[in-house]
């Protein structure tokens, strides 16, 4: 089985933290209720609520990735990614 660890860094657009938080919660809800392949999904926000790191560890053969990725893509409307999307692949 293959596992993927995706890490994305975001800087929020001015005044858009609440929208980012709403979308991040939506992603977490999808993972919790529909995506049995995700082993860990975490969002870390800095103290001044200007930046965040999103990490997702999942099995590679789950189809709900597109659903989650669709919500994540909307995050770019409220935050800028610094381009440091990291994906680590581990084959078992």
N, C-alpha and C. Protein backbone atom coordinates (compact mmCIF):
# COMPACT_ATOMS: atom_id res chain seq x y z
N UNK A 1 0.85 -1.18 0.00
CA UNK A 1 0.00 0.00 0.00
C UNK A 1 0.89 1.24 0.00
N UNK A 2 0.47 2.26 -0.71
CA UNK A 2 1.23 3.51 -0.79
C UNK A 2 0.57 4.56 0.09
N UNK A 3 1.38 5.30 0.82
CA UNK A 3 0.89 6.41 1.63
C UNK A 3 1.45 7.71 1.07
N UNK A 4 0.63 8.74 1.10
CA UNK A 4 1.04 10.06 0.65
C UNK A 4 0.92 11.04 1.81
N UNK A 5 1.94 11.86 1.99
CA UNK A 5 1.88 12.95 2.97
C UNK A 5 1.97 14.25 2.19
N UNK A 6 0.90 15.02 2.20
CA UNK A 6 0.88 16.31 1.53
C UNK A 6 0.96 17.42 2.55
N UNK A 7 1.81 18.41 2.30
CA UNK A 7 1.98 19.54 3.20
C UNK A 7 1.86 20.81 2.38
N UNK A 8 0.95 21.69 2.77
CA UNK A 8 0.77 22.96 2.06
C UNK A 8 0.82 24.11 3.05
N UNK A 9 1.47 25.19 2.64
CA UNK A 9 1.58 26.40 3.46
C UNK A 9 0.69 27.48 2.84
N UNK A 10 -0.07 28.19 3.68
CA UNK A 10 -0.95 29.25 3.20
C UNK A 10 -0.73 30.52 3.99
N UNK A 11 -0.83 31.66 3.31
CA UNK A 11 -0.87 32.99 3.94
C UNK A 11 -2.24 33.57 3.61
N UNK A 12 -3.00 33.94 4.63
CA UNK A 12 -4.37 34.39 4.42
C UNK A 12 -4.43 35.77 3.77
N UNK A 13 -5.41 35.94 2.89
CA UNK A 13 -5.69 37.28 2.36
C UNK A 13 -6.25 38.12 3.50
N UNK A 14 -6.03 39.42 3.43
CA UNK A 14 -6.48 40.35 4.46
C UNK A 14 -7.96 40.14 4.77
N UNK A 15 -8.27 39.90 6.05
CA UNK A 15 -9.64 39.77 6.49
C UNK A 15 -10.34 38.47 6.11
N UNK A 16 -9.60 37.47 5.62
CA UNK A 16 -10.23 36.24 5.12
C UNK A 16 -9.95 35.01 6.00
N UNK A 17 -9.42 35.23 7.20
CA UNK A 17 -9.13 34.08 8.06
C UNK A 17 -10.38 33.28 8.38
N UNK A 18 -11.49 33.94 8.68
CA UNK A 18 -12.71 33.23 9.04
C UNK A 18 -13.17 32.31 7.91
N UNK A 19 -13.05 32.77 6.67
CA UNK A 19 -13.43 31.95 5.52
C UNK A 19 -12.48 30.76 5.37
N UNK A 20 -11.19 30.99 5.56
CA UNK A 20 -10.22 29.91 5.53
C UNK A 20 -10.57 28.87 6.59
N UNK A 21 -10.85 29.32 7.80
CA UNK A 21 -11.19 28.41 8.89
C UNK A 21 -12.44 27.59 8.55
N UNK A 22 -13.43 28.23 7.93
CA UNK A 22 -14.66 27.52 7.54
C UNK A 22 -14.34 26.43 6.51
N UNK A 23 -13.54 26.77 5.51
CA UNK A 23 -13.19 25.80 4.48
C UNK A 23 -12.33 24.67 5.05
N UNK A 24 -11.42 25.01 5.95
CA UNK A 24 -10.59 23.98 6.58
C UNK A 24 -11.45 23.02 7.40
N UNK A 25 -12.45 23.55 8.12
CA UNK A 25 -13.36 22.68 8.86
C UNK A 25 -14.16 21.79 7.91
N UNK A 26 -14.55 22.33 6.75
CA UNK A 26 -15.28 21.55 5.75
C UNK A 26 -14.43 20.37 5.28
N UNK A 27 -13.15 20.63 5.01
CA UNK A 27 -12.24 19.55 4.62
C UNK A 27 -12.15 18.50 5.72
N UNK A 28 -12.03 18.95 6.96
CA UNK A 28 -11.93 18.01 8.07
C UNK A 28 -13.21 17.18 8.21
N UNK A 29 -14.38 17.80 7.98
CA UNK A 29 -15.64 17.07 8.02
C UNK A 29 -15.70 15.99 6.94
N UNK A 30 -15.27 16.33 5.73
CA UNK A 30 -15.25 15.35 4.64
C UNK A 30 -14.35 14.19 5.00
N UNK A 31 -13.18 14.50 5.51
CA UNK A 31 -12.24 13.44 5.90
C UNK A 31 -12.85 12.56 6.98
N UNK A 32 -13.45 13.17 7.98
CA UNK A 32 -13.99 12.41 9.11
C UNK A 32 -15.18 11.53 8.73
N UNK A 33 -15.99 11.99 7.78
CA UNK A 33 -17.24 11.27 7.48
C UNK A 33 -17.19 10.44 6.22
N UNK A 34 -16.28 10.74 5.29
CA UNK A 34 -16.33 10.07 3.99
C UNK A 34 -15.02 9.44 3.53
N UNK A 35 -13.91 9.90 4.02
CA UNK A 35 -12.63 9.46 3.48
C UNK A 35 -11.93 8.52 4.45
N UNK A 36 -12.22 7.23 4.33
CA UNK A 36 -11.60 6.25 5.22
C UNK A 36 -10.12 6.04 4.93
N UNK A 37 -9.63 6.54 3.79
CA UNK A 37 -8.23 6.38 3.44
C UNK A 37 -7.31 7.40 4.07
N UNK A 38 -7.88 8.50 4.57
CA UNK A 38 -7.05 9.50 5.23
C UNK A 38 -6.75 9.04 6.64
N UNK A 39 -5.49 8.95 6.93
CA UNK A 39 -5.04 8.49 8.24
C UNK A 39 -4.88 9.65 9.22
N UNK A 40 -4.54 10.83 8.70
CA UNK A 40 -4.35 12.01 9.54
C UNK A 40 -4.57 13.24 8.69
N UNK A 41 -5.31 14.21 9.22
CA UNK A 41 -5.55 15.49 8.53
C UNK A 41 -5.46 16.57 9.59
N UNK A 42 -4.50 17.47 9.44
CA UNK A 42 -4.27 18.48 10.47
C UNK A 42 -4.09 19.85 9.84
N UNK A 43 -4.58 20.85 10.54
CA UNK A 43 -4.41 22.25 10.14
C UNK A 43 -3.76 22.97 11.32
N UNK A 44 -2.65 23.61 11.05
CA UNK A 44 -1.94 24.37 12.07
C UNK A 44 -1.97 25.85 11.68
N UNK A 45 -2.40 26.71 12.59
CA UNK A 45 -2.49 28.15 12.32
C UNK A 45 -1.55 28.86 13.29
N UNK A 46 -0.81 29.88 12.78
CA UNK A 46 0.09 30.61 13.65
C UNK A 46 -0.70 31.51 14.61
N UNK A 47 -0.02 32.03 15.61
CA UNK A 47 -0.69 32.79 16.67
C UNK A 47 -1.42 34.03 16.19
N UNK A 48 -0.88 34.70 15.19
CA UNK A 48 -1.55 35.93 14.73
C UNK A 48 -2.57 35.67 13.61
N UNK A 49 -2.86 34.39 13.36
CA UNK A 49 -3.85 33.97 12.38
C UNK A 49 -3.60 34.56 10.98
N UNK A 50 -2.33 34.57 10.57
CA UNK A 50 -1.99 35.08 9.24
C UNK A 50 -1.50 33.98 8.30
N UNK A 51 -1.11 32.84 8.86
CA UNK A 51 -0.57 31.75 8.05
C UNK A 51 -1.03 30.41 8.62
N UNK A 52 -1.02 29.39 7.74
CA UNK A 52 -1.39 28.04 8.18
C UNK A 52 -0.61 27.00 7.40
N UNK A 53 -0.50 25.84 8.00
CA UNK A 53 0.07 24.66 7.35
C UNK A 53 -1.00 23.58 7.41
N UNK A 54 -1.25 22.94 6.26
CA UNK A 54 -2.21 21.85 6.18
C UNK A 54 -1.43 20.58 5.85
N UNK A 55 -1.63 19.54 6.65
CA UNK A 55 -0.97 18.26 6.43
C UNK A 55 -2.02 17.17 6.30
N UNK A 56 -1.79 16.28 5.35
CA UNK A 56 -2.73 15.17 5.15
C UNK A 56 -1.95 13.90 4.82
N UNK A 57 -2.13 12.88 5.63
CA UNK A 57 -1.52 11.58 5.40
C UNK A 57 -2.63 10.62 5.00
N UNK A 58 -2.47 9.95 3.85
CA UNK A 58 -3.56 9.10 3.36
C UNK A 58 -3.02 7.92 2.58
N UNK A 59 -3.87 6.90 2.49
CA UNK A 59 -3.60 5.79 1.59
C UNK A 59 -3.86 6.30 0.18
N UNK A 60 -3.12 5.82 -0.78
CA UNK A 60 -3.15 6.39 -2.13
C UNK A 60 -4.30 5.91 -3.00
N UNK A 61 -4.99 4.86 -2.63
CA UNK A 61 -5.99 4.31 -3.53
C UNK A 61 -7.43 4.69 -3.17
N UNK A 62 -7.64 5.85 -2.57
CA UNK A 62 -8.97 6.32 -2.18
C UNK A 62 -9.42 7.41 -3.16
N UNK A 63 -10.65 7.32 -3.68
CA UNK A 63 -11.15 8.24 -4.69
C UNK A 63 -11.62 9.60 -4.15
N UNK A 64 -11.83 9.73 -2.86
CA UNK A 64 -12.34 11.00 -2.33
C UNK A 64 -11.29 12.11 -2.35
N UNK A 65 -10.10 11.80 -2.78
CA UNK A 65 -9.07 12.84 -2.88
C UNK A 65 -9.55 13.99 -3.73
N UNK A 66 -10.27 13.71 -4.81
CA UNK A 66 -10.76 14.77 -5.69
C UNK A 66 -11.75 15.69 -4.97
N UNK A 67 -12.60 15.12 -4.13
CA UNK A 67 -13.57 15.93 -3.38
C UNK A 67 -12.84 16.87 -2.43
N UNK A 68 -11.90 16.32 -1.68
CA UNK A 68 -11.14 17.12 -0.73
C UNK A 68 -10.29 18.15 -1.45
N UNK A 69 -9.65 17.74 -2.54
CA UNK A 69 -8.82 18.66 -3.30
C UNK A 69 -9.65 19.80 -3.88
N UNK A 70 -10.92 19.52 -4.23
CA UNK A 70 -11.80 20.58 -4.73
C UNK A 70 -12.05 21.65 -3.68
N UNK A 71 -12.25 21.23 -2.43
CA UNK A 71 -12.43 22.20 -1.34
C UNK A 71 -11.12 22.92 -1.07
N UNK A 72 -10.01 22.17 -1.08
CA UNK A 72 -8.72 22.80 -0.86
C UNK A 72 -8.41 23.84 -1.93
N UNK A 73 -8.82 23.57 -3.16
CA UNK A 73 -8.55 24.54 -4.23
C UNK A 73 -9.29 25.85 -3.99
N UNK A 74 -10.44 25.80 -3.31
CA UNK A 74 -11.16 27.03 -2.99
C UNK A 74 -10.43 27.85 -1.94
N UNK A 75 -9.56 27.19 -1.17
CA UNK A 75 -8.78 27.92 -0.18
C UNK A 75 -7.90 28.99 -0.84
N UNK A 76 -7.53 28.77 -2.09
CA UNK A 76 -6.70 29.76 -2.78
C UNK A 76 -7.46 31.06 -3.03
N UNK A 77 -8.78 31.03 -2.86
CA UNK A 77 -9.56 32.26 -2.99
C UNK A 77 -9.44 33.12 -1.74
N UNK A 78 -9.05 32.53 -0.64
CA UNK A 78 -8.96 33.27 0.62
C UNK A 78 -7.55 33.28 1.20
N UNK A 79 -6.63 32.56 0.54
CA UNK A 79 -5.25 32.49 1.03
C UNK A 79 -4.32 32.20 -0.13
N UNK A 80 -3.08 32.65 0.01
CA UNK A 80 -2.06 32.37 -0.99
C UNK A 80 -1.19 31.23 -0.49
N UNK A 81 -0.90 30.29 -1.38
CA UNK A 81 0.05 29.25 -1.06
C UNK A 81 1.43 29.76 -1.42
N UNK A 82 2.41 29.44 -0.59
CA UNK A 82 3.77 29.91 -0.88
C UNK A 82 4.47 29.04 -1.91
N UNK A 83 3.74 28.11 -2.51
CA UNK A 83 4.33 27.27 -3.54
C UNK A 83 5.07 26.07 -2.99
N UNK A 84 5.12 25.94 -1.67
CA UNK A 84 5.84 24.83 -1.06
C UNK A 84 4.90 23.67 -0.75
N UNK A 85 4.26 23.16 -1.77
CA UNK A 85 3.45 21.96 -1.59
C UNK A 85 4.39 20.78 -1.65
N UNK A 86 4.41 20.03 -0.59
CA UNK A 86 5.32 18.89 -0.48
C UNK A 86 4.48 17.62 -0.43
N UNK A 87 4.82 16.66 -1.26
CA UNK A 87 4.18 15.36 -1.20
C UNK A 87 5.26 14.31 -1.03
N UNK A 88 5.12 13.52 0.02
CA UNK A 88 6.08 12.47 0.33
C UNK A 88 5.37 11.15 0.10
N UNK A 89 5.97 10.27 -0.69
CA UNK A 89 5.36 8.99 -1.02
C UNK A 89 6.13 7.88 -0.30
N UNK A 90 5.38 7.01 0.36
CA UNK A 90 5.97 5.87 1.05
C UNK A 90 5.25 4.61 0.58
N UNK A 91 5.96 3.70 -0.04
CA UNK A 91 5.37 2.43 -0.47
C UNK A 91 5.59 1.38 0.60
N UNK A 92 4.58 0.60 0.85
CA UNK A 92 4.68 -0.45 1.88
C UNK A 92 4.67 -1.79 1.21
